[in-house]
PDB file of N, CA and C in Angstrom:
ATOM      1  N   MET A   1     -10.408 -46.698  32.191  1.00  0.00           N
ATOM      2  CA  MET A   1     -11.236 -45.361  31.918  1.00  0.00           C
ATOM      3  C   MET A   1     -11.599 -45.295  30.261  1.00  0.00           C
ATOM      4  N   SER A   2     -12.739 -44.792  30.377  1.00  0.00           N
ATOM      5  CA  SER A   2     -13.187 -44.952  29.029  1.00  0.00           C
ATOM      6  C   SER A   2     -13.788 -43.636  28.638  1.00  0.00           C
ATOM      7  N   SER A   3     -13.539 -43.129  27.584  1.00  0.00           N
ATOM      8  CA  SER A   3     -13.615 -41.619  26.853  1.00  0.00           C
ATOM      9  C   SER A   3     -14.968 -41.378  26.786  1.00  0.00           C
ATOM     10  N   ALA A   4     -15.754 -40.452  27.317  1.00  0.00           N
ATOM     11  CA  ALA A   4     -17.299 -40.208  26.773  1.00  0.00           C
ATOM     12  C   ALA A   4     -17.422 -39.555  25.195  1.00  0.00           C
ATOM     13  N   VAL A   5     -16.369 -39.086  24.826  1.00  0.00           N
ATOM     14  CA  VAL A   5     -16.549 -38.277  23.525  1.00  0.00           C
ATOM     15  C   VAL A   5     -15.696 -39.471  22.526  1.00  0.00           C
ATOM     16  N   SER A   6     -16.782 -39.686  21.568  1.00  0.00           N
ATOM     17  CA  SER A   6     -16.522 -40.753  20.622  1.00  0.00           C
ATOM     18  C   SER A   6     -15.479 -39.847  19.427  1.00  0.00           C
ATOM     19  N   ASN A   7     -14.453 -40.474  18.758  1.00  0.00           N
ATOM     20  CA  ASN A   7     -13.814 -40.017  17.836  1.00  0.00           C
ATOM     21  C   ASN A   7     -14.099 -40.548  16.550  1.00  0.00           C
ATOM     22  N   ASN A   8     -15.486 -40.738  16.599  1.00  0.00           N
ATOM     23  CA  ASN A   8     -16.016 -41.131  14.945  1.00  0.00           C
ATOM     24  C   ASN A   8     -16.946 -40.147  14.413  1.00  0.00           C
ATOM     25  N   THR A   9     -17.047 -39.051  15.106  1.00  0.00           N
ATOM     26  CA  THR A   9     -17.722 -37.862  15.192  1.00  0.00           C
ATOM     27  C   THR A   9     -17.443 -37.457  13.716  1.00  0.00           C
ATOM     28  N   LYS A  10     -17.878 -36.764  12.703  1.00  0.00           N
ATOM     29  CA  LYS A  10     -17.469 -35.861  11.962  1.00  0.00           C
ATOM     30  C   LYS A  10     -17.887 -34.523  11.790  1.00  0.00           C
ATOM     31  N   PRO A  11     -17.048 -33.746  11.593  1.00  0.00           N
ATOM     32  CA  PRO A  11     -17.400 -32.226  11.738  1.00  0.00           C
ATOM     33  C   PRO A  11     -18.337 -31.518  11.187  1.00  0.00           C
ATOM     34  N   VAL A  12     -19.181 -30.611  11.505  1.00  0.00           N
ATOM     35  CA  VAL A  12     -20.548 -30.190  10.949  1.00  0.00           C
ATOM     36  C   VAL A  12     -19.892 -29.312   9.910  1.00  0.00           C
ATOM     37  N   GLN A  13     -20.355 -29.254   8.687  1.00  0.00           N
ATOM     38  CA  GLN A  13     -20.020 -28.410   7.548  1.00  0.00           C
ATOM     39  C   GLN A  13     -21.344 -27.386   7.450  1.00  0.00           C
ATOM     40  N   ARG A  14     -20.950 -26.048   7.564  1.00  0.00           N
ATOM     41  CA  ARG A  14     -22.346 -25.307   7.215  1.00  0.00           C
ATOM     42  C   ARG A  14     -21.888 -24.610   5.846  1.00  0.00           C
ATOM     43  N   LYS A  15     -23.152 -24.289   5.440  1.00  0.00           N
ATOM     44  CA  LYS A  15     -23.152 -23.613   4.072  1.00  0.00           C
ATOM     45  C   LYS A  15     -22.960 -22.242   4.050  1.00  0.00           C
ATOM     46  N   LYS A  16     -22.103 -21.949   2.853  1.00  0.00           N
ATOM     47  CA  LYS A  16     -21.591 -20.441   3.022  1.00  0.00           C
ATOM     48  C   LYS A  16     -22.500 -19.838   1.951  1.00  0.00           C
ATOM     49  N   GLU A  17     -23.100 -18.885   2.597  1.00  0.00           N
ATOM     50  CA  GLU A  17     -23.967 -17.864   1.537  1.00  0.00           C
ATOM     51  C   GLU A  17     -22.974 -16.804   0.814  1.00  0.00           C
ATOM     52  N   VAL A  18     -23.441 -16.987  -0.101  1.00  0.00           N
ATOM     53  CA  VAL A  18     -22.699 -15.983  -1.036  1.00  0.00           C
ATOM     54  C   VAL A  18     -23.724 -15.020  -1.752  1.00  0.00           C
ATOM     55  N   LYS A  19     -23.437 -13.702  -1.210  1.00  0.00           N
ATOM     56  CA  LYS A  19     -24.526 -12.667  -1.511  1.00  0.00           C
ATOM     57  C   LYS A  19     -23.718 -12.021  -2.843  1.00  0.00           C
ATOM     58  N   GLU A  20     -24.672 -11.625  -3.700  1.00  0.00           N
ATOM     59  CA  GLU A  20     -24.050 -10.670  -4.830  1.00  0.00           C
ATOM     60  C   GLU A  20     -24.259  -9.360  -4.417  1.00  0.00           C
ATOM     61  N   ALA A  21     -23.053  -8.876  -5.014  1.00  0.00           N
ATOM     62  CA  ALA A  21     -22.912  -7.187  -4.455  1.00  0.00           C
ATOM     63  C   ALA A  21     -24.261  -6.422  -5.379  1.00  0.00           C
ATOM     64  N   SER A  22     -24.556  -5.418  -4.698  1.00  0.00           N
ATOM     65  CA  SER A  22     -25.598  -4.822  -5.303  1.00  0.00           C
ATOM     66  C   SER A  22     -24.976  -3.555  -6.616  1.00  0.00           C
ATOM     67  N   PRO A  23     -25.524  -3.326  -7.307  1.00  0.00           N
ATOM     68  CA  PRO A  23     -24.940  -2.328  -8.523  1.00  0.00           C
ATOM     69  C   PRO A  23     -24.090  -1.126  -7.766  1.00  0.00           C
ATOM     70  N   ALA A  24     -24.960  -0.287  -6.938  1.00  0.00           N
ATOM     71  CA  ALA A  24     -23.892   0.577  -6.432  1.00  0.00           C
ATOM     72  C   ALA A  24     -22.539   0.121  -5.869  1.00  0.00           C
ATOM     73  N   ILE A  25     -22.410  -0.761  -4.928  1.00  0.00           N
ATOM     74  CA  ILE A  25     -21.277  -1.757  -4.652  1.00  0.00           C
ATOM     75  C   ILE A  25     -20.395  -1.619  -6.004  1.00  0.00           C
ATOM     76  N   ALA A  26     -20.917  -2.548  -6.651  1.00  0.00           N
ATOM     77  CA  ALA A  26     -19.950  -3.210  -7.932  1.00  0.00           C
ATOM     78  C   ALA A  26     -19.496  -1.700  -8.644  1.00  0.00           C
ATOM     79  N   GLN A  27     -20.437  -0.412  -8.731  1.00  0.00           N
ATOM     80  CA  GLN A  27     -19.689   0.689  -9.250  1.00  0.00           C
ATOM     81  C   GLN A  27     -18.722   1.432  -8.535  1.00  0.00           C
ATOM     82  N   LYS A  28     -19.064   1.301  -7.112  1.00  0.00           N
ATOM     83  CA  LYS A  28     -17.925   1.835  -6.157  1.00  0.00           C
ATOM     84  C   LYS A  28     -16.627   1.219  -6.457  1.00  0.00           C
ATOM     85  N   ASN A  29     -16.646  -0.042  -6.510  1.00  0.00           N
ATOM     86  CA  ASN A  29     -15.710  -0.912  -6.614  1.00  0.00           C
ATOM     87  C   ASN A  29     -14.849  -0.606  -7.694  1.00  0.00           C
ATOM     88  N   LYS A  30     -15.377  -0.049  -8.671  1.00  0.00           N
ATOM     89  CA  LYS A  30     -14.844  -0.087 -10.144  1.00  0.00           C
ATOM     90  C   LYS A  30     -13.974   1.393 -10.015  1.00  0.00           C
ATOM     91  N   ASN A  31     -14.346   2.007  -9.027  1.00  0.00           N
ATOM     92  CA  ASN A  31     -13.574   3.632  -9.083  1.00  0.00           C
ATOM     93  C   ASN A  31     -12.735   3.209  -7.911  1.00  0.00           C
ATOM     94  N   SER A  32     -11.990   2.254  -7.651  1.00  0.00           N
ATOM     95  CA  SER A  32     -11.144   2.119  -6.800  1.00  0.00           C
ATOM     96  C   SER A  32      -9.619   2.577  -6.952  1.00  0.00           C
ATOM     97  N   ILE A  33      -8.807   2.562  -5.594  1.00  0.00           N
ATOM     98  CA  ILE A  33      -7.566   3.410  -5.649  1.00  0.00           C
ATOM     99  C   ILE A  33      -6.486   2.479  -6.708  1.00  0.00           C
ATOM    100  N   LEU A  34      -6.910   1.395  -7.459  1.00  0.00           N
ATOM    101  CA  LEU A  34      -6.389   0.546  -8.429  1.00  0.00           C
ATOM    102  C   LEU A  34      -6.190   1.388  -9.501  1.00  0.00           C
ATOM    103  N   LYS A  35      -7.171   2.419  -9.595  1.00  0.00           N
ATOM    104  CA  LYS A  35      -7.362   3.128 -11.073  1.00  0.00           C
ATOM    105  C   LYS A  35      -6.097   3.983 -11.335  1.00  0.00           C
ATOM    106  N   ILE A  36      -5.532   4.119  -9.987  1.00  0.00           N
ATOM    107  CA  ILE A  36      -4.041   5.254  -9.924  1.00  0.00           C
ATOM    108  C   ILE A  36      -3.324   4.473 -10.663  1.00  0.00           C
ATOM    109  N   TYR A  37      -3.087   2.959 -10.734  1.00  0.00           N
ATOM    110  CA  TYR A  37      -1.676   2.588 -11.241  1.00  0.00           C
ATOM    111  C   TYR A  37      -2.186   1.996 -12.866  1.00  0.00           C
ATOM    112  N   SER A  38      -3.365   2.554 -13.248  1.00  0.00           N
ATOM    113  CA  SER A  38      -3.849   2.023 -14.491  1.00  0.00           C
ATOM    114  C   SER A  38      -3.621   2.817 -15.714  1.00  0.00           C
ATOM    115  N   ASP A  39      -3.822   2.551 -16.899  1.00  0.00           N
ATOM    116  CA  ASP A  39      -3.517   3.771 -17.854  1.00  0.00           C
ATOM    117  C   ASP A  39      -4.555   4.615 -17.933  1.00  0.00           C
ATOM    118  N   GLU A  40      -5.806   4.381 -17.370  1.00  0.00           N
ATOM    119  CA  GLU A  40      -6.864   5.550 -17.283  1.00  0.00           C
ATOM    120  C   GLU A  40      -6.277   6.505 -16.402  1.00  0.00           C
ATOM    121  N   ALA A  41      -5.493   6.486 -15.556  1.00  0.00           N
ATOM    122  CA  ALA A  41      -5.516   7.333 -14.346  1.00  0.00           C
ATOM    123  C   ALA A  41      -4.915   8.832 -15.306  1.00  0.00           C
ATOM    124  N   LYS A  42      -5.561  10.355 -14.928  1.00  0.00           N
ATOM    125  CA  LYS A  42      -5.075  11.289 -15.218  1.00  0.00           C
ATOM    126  C   LYS A  42      -3.932  11.884 -14.603  1.00  0.00           C
ATOM    127  N   GLY A  43      -3.194  12.819 -15.155  1.00  0.00           N
ATOM    128  CA  GLY A  43      -2.036  13.373 -14.600  1.00  0.00           C
ATOM    129  C   GLY A  43      -0.594  13.166 -15.126  1.00  0.00           C
ATOM    130  N   LEU A  44       0.523  13.598 -14.310  1.00  0.00           N
ATOM    131  CA  LEU A  44       1.753  13.279 -15.092  1.00  0.00           C
ATOM    132  C   LEU A  44       2.344  11.788 -14.775  1.00  0.00           C
ATOM    133  N   ARG A  45       2.876  11.290 -15.493  1.00  0.00           N
ATOM    134  CA  ARG A  45       3.351   9.950 -15.330  1.00  0.00           C
ATOM    135  C   ARG A  45       5.001   9.927 -15.513  1.00  0.00           C
ATOM    136  N   VAL A  46       5.286   9.546 -14.177  1.00  0.00           N
ATOM    137  CA  VAL A  46       6.646   9.796 -13.900  1.00  0.00           C
ATOM    138  C   VAL A  46       7.203   8.150 -13.646  1.00  0.00           C
ATOM    139  N   ASP A  47       8.578   7.880 -14.348  1.00  0.00           N
ATOM    140  CA  ASP A  47       9.057   6.682 -14.162  1.00  0.00           C
ATOM    141  C   ASP A  47       9.504   6.714 -12.797  1.00  0.00           C
ATOM    142  N   PRO A  48       9.414   5.277 -11.866  1.00  0.00           N
ATOM    143  CA  PRO A  48       9.589   5.404 -10.371  1.00  0.00           C
ATOM    144  C   PRO A  48      11.584   5.612 -10.403  1.00  0.00           C
ATOM    145  N   LEU A  49      12.214   5.033 -11.213  1.00  0.00           N
ATOM    146  CA  LEU A  49      13.796   5.449 -11.227  1.00  0.00           C
ATOM    147  C   LEU A  49      13.939   7.026 -10.958  1.00  0.00           C
ATOM    148  N   VAL A  50      13.038   7.858 -11.758  1.00  0.00           N
ATOM    149  CA  VAL A  50      13.112   9.571 -11.883  1.00  0.00           C
ATOM    150  C   VAL A  50      12.942   9.948 -10.548  1.00  0.00           C
ATOM    151  N   VAL A  51      11.827   9.145  -9.718  1.00  0.00           N
ATOM    152  CA  VAL A  51      11.402   9.611  -8.604  1.00  0.00           C
ATOM    153  C   VAL A  51      12.558   9.094  -7.440  1.00  0.00           C
ATOM    154  N   LEU A  52      12.744   8.252  -7.726  1.00  0.00           N
ATOM    155  CA  LEU A  52      14.132   7.803  -6.766  1.00  0.00           C
ATOM    156  C   LEU A  52      15.452   8.636  -6.776  1.00  0.00           C
ATOM    157  N   PHE A  53      15.680   9.276  -7.938  1.00  0.00           N
ATOM    158  CA  PHE A  53      17.133   9.901  -8.151  1.00  0.00           C
ATOM    159  C   PHE A  53      16.730  11.389  -7.943  1.00  0.00           C
ATOM    160  N   LEU A  54      15.250  11.765  -7.864  1.00  0.00           N
ATOM    161  CA  LEU A  54      15.065  12.956  -7.304  1.00  0.00           C
ATOM    162  C   LEU A  54      14.983  13.127  -5.678  1.00  0.00           C
ATOM    163  N   ALA A  55      14.329  12.203  -5.096  1.00  0.00           N
ATOM    164  CA  ALA A  55      14.369  12.144  -3.372  1.00  0.00           C
ATOM    165  C   ALA A  55      15.925  11.944  -3.222  1.00  0.00           C
ATOM    166  N   VAL A  56      16.886  11.115  -3.755  1.00  0.00           N
ATOM    167  CA  VAL A  56      18.132  11.026  -3.063  1.00  0.00           C
ATOM    168  C   VAL A  56      18.952  12.201  -3.612  1.00  0.00           C
ATOM    169  N   GLY A  57      18.444  13.128  -4.416  1.00  0.00           N
ATOM    170  CA  GLY A  57      19.226  14.245  -4.577  1.00  0.00           C
ATOM    171  C   GLY A  57      18.944  15.353  -3.438  1.00  0.00           C
ATOM    172  N   PHE A  58      17.625  15.007  -3.310  1.00  0.00           N
ATOM    173  CA  PHE A  58      17.160  16.011  -2.505  1.00  0.00           C
ATOM    174  C   PHE A  58      17.687  16.031  -1.027  1.00  0.00           C
ATOM    175  N   ILE A  59      17.750  14.587  -0.711  1.00  0.00           N
ATOM    176  CA  ILE A  59      18.568  14.343   0.725  1.00  0.00           C
ATOM    177  C   ILE A  59      20.067  14.903   0.584  1.00  0.00           C
ATOM    178  N   PHE A  60      20.533  14.480  -0.480  1.00  0.00           N
ATOM    179  CA  PHE A  60      22.027  15.218  -0.649  1.00  0.00           C
ATOM    180  C   PHE A  60      22.119  16.618  -0.489  1.00  0.00           C
ATOM    181  N   SER A  61      21.037  17.352  -1.070  1.00  0.00           N
ATOM    182  CA  SER A  61      21.157  18.693  -1.068  1.00  0.00           C
ATOM    183  C   SER A  61      20.935  19.266   0.439  1.00  0.00           C
ATOM    184  N   VAL A  62      20.114  18.573   1.270  1.00  0.00           N
ATOM    185  CA  VAL A  62      19.781  19.094   2.585  1.00  0.00           C
ATOM    186  C   VAL A  62      21.104  18.809   3.220  1.00  0.00           C
ATOM    187  N   VAL A  63      21.648  17.658   3.074  1.00  0.00           N
ATOM    188  CA  VAL A  63      23.009  17.311   3.901  1.00  0.00           C
ATOM    189  C   VAL A  63      23.791  18.271   3.780  1.00  0.00           C
ATOM    190  N   GLY A  64      24.028  18.552   2.474  1.00  0.00           N
ATOM    191  CA  GLY A  64      24.858  19.736   1.787  1.00  0.00           C
ATOM    192  C   GLY A  64      24.998  20.912   2.233  1.00  0.00           C
ATOM    193  N   LEU A  65      23.687  21.586   2.580  1.00  0.00           N
ATOM    194  CA  LEU A  65      23.455  22.620   3.064  1.00  0.00           C
ATOM    195  C   LEU A  65      23.311  22.685   4.707  1.00  0.00           C
ATOM    196  N   HIS A  66      23.354  21.569   5.268  1.00  0.00           N
ATOM    197  CA  HIS A  66      23.781  21.677   6.602  1.00  0.00           C
ATOM    198  C   HIS A  66      25.248  21.837   6.939  1.00  0.00           C
ATOM    199  N   VAL A  67      25.942  21.032   5.657  1.00  0.00           N
ATOM    200  CA  VAL A  67      27.250  20.964   6.081  1.00  0.00           C
ATOM    201  C   VAL A  67      27.783  22.668   5.841  1.00  0.00           C
ATOM    202  N   ILE A  68      27.447  23.374   5.005  1.00  0.00           N
ATOM    203  CA  ILE A  68      27.839  24.297   4.347  1.00  0.00           C
ATOM    204  C   ILE A  68      27.528  25.376   5.695  1.00  0.00           C
ATOM    205  N   SER A  69      26.263  25.036   6.011  1.00  0.00           N
ATOM    206  CA  SER A  69      26.085  26.211   7.321  1.00  0.00           C
ATOM    207  C   SER A  69      26.655  26.230   8.632  1.00  0.00           C
ATOM    208  N   LYS A  70      27.064  24.731   8.960  1.00  0.00           N
ATOM    209  CA  LYS A  70      28.089  24.531  10.045  1.00  0.00           C
ATOM    210  C   LYS A  70      29.631  25.152   9.744  1.00  0.00           C
ATOM    211  N   LEU A  71      29.816  25.024   8.388  1.00  0.00           N
ATOM    212  CA  LEU A  71      31.224  25.881   8.481  1.00  0.00           C
ATOM    213  C   LEU A  71      31.200  27.039   8.028  1.00  0.00           C
ATOM    214  N   ALA A  72      30.202  27.848   7.607  1.00  0.00           N
ATOM    215  CA  ALA A  72      30.104  28.991   7.566  1.00  0.00           C
ATOM    216  C   ALA A  72      30.014  29.783   9.059  1.00  0.00           C
ATOM    217  N   SER A  73      29.064  28.899   9.778  1.00  0.00           N
ATOM    218  CA  SER A  73      29.091  29.399  11.337  1.00  0.00           C
ATOM    219  C   SER A  73      30.531  29.517  11.892  1.00  0.00           C
ATOM    220  N   LYS A  74      31.271  28.789  11.730  1.00  0.00           N
ATOM    221  CA  LYS A  74      32.593  28.490  12.312  1.00  0.00           C
ATOM    222  C   LYS A  74      33.445  29.748  11.534  1.00  0.00           C
ATOM    223  N   ILE A  75      33.454  30.188  10.465  1.00  0.00           N
ATOM    224  CA  ILE A  75      34.128  31.133   9.514  1.00  0.00           C
ATOM    225  C   ILE A  75      33.931  32.524  10.429  1.00  0.00           C
ATOM    226  N   PHE A  76      32.450  32.701  10.363  1.00  0.00           N
ATOM    227  CA  PHE A  76      32.110  34.180  10.453  1.00  0.00           C
ATOM    228  C   PHE A  76      31.460  34.132  12.224  1.00  0.00           C
TER     229      PHE A  76
END
């Protein structure tokens, strides 16, 4: 049994066309979301550790208020 397909064929390589971005697209990409993390961003700058502590403190305050609420409902 002979195979009809030869293993000696080379894969066809196609040329990739690289198109230049238009000036409008280049300007649009300049104002991307990455600007938030740069020094050019306006607004309040807060250290991530401060945000972490504030979030954990908020969670503990909510849990604490729930516990106080349960204890107060049993007493009154």
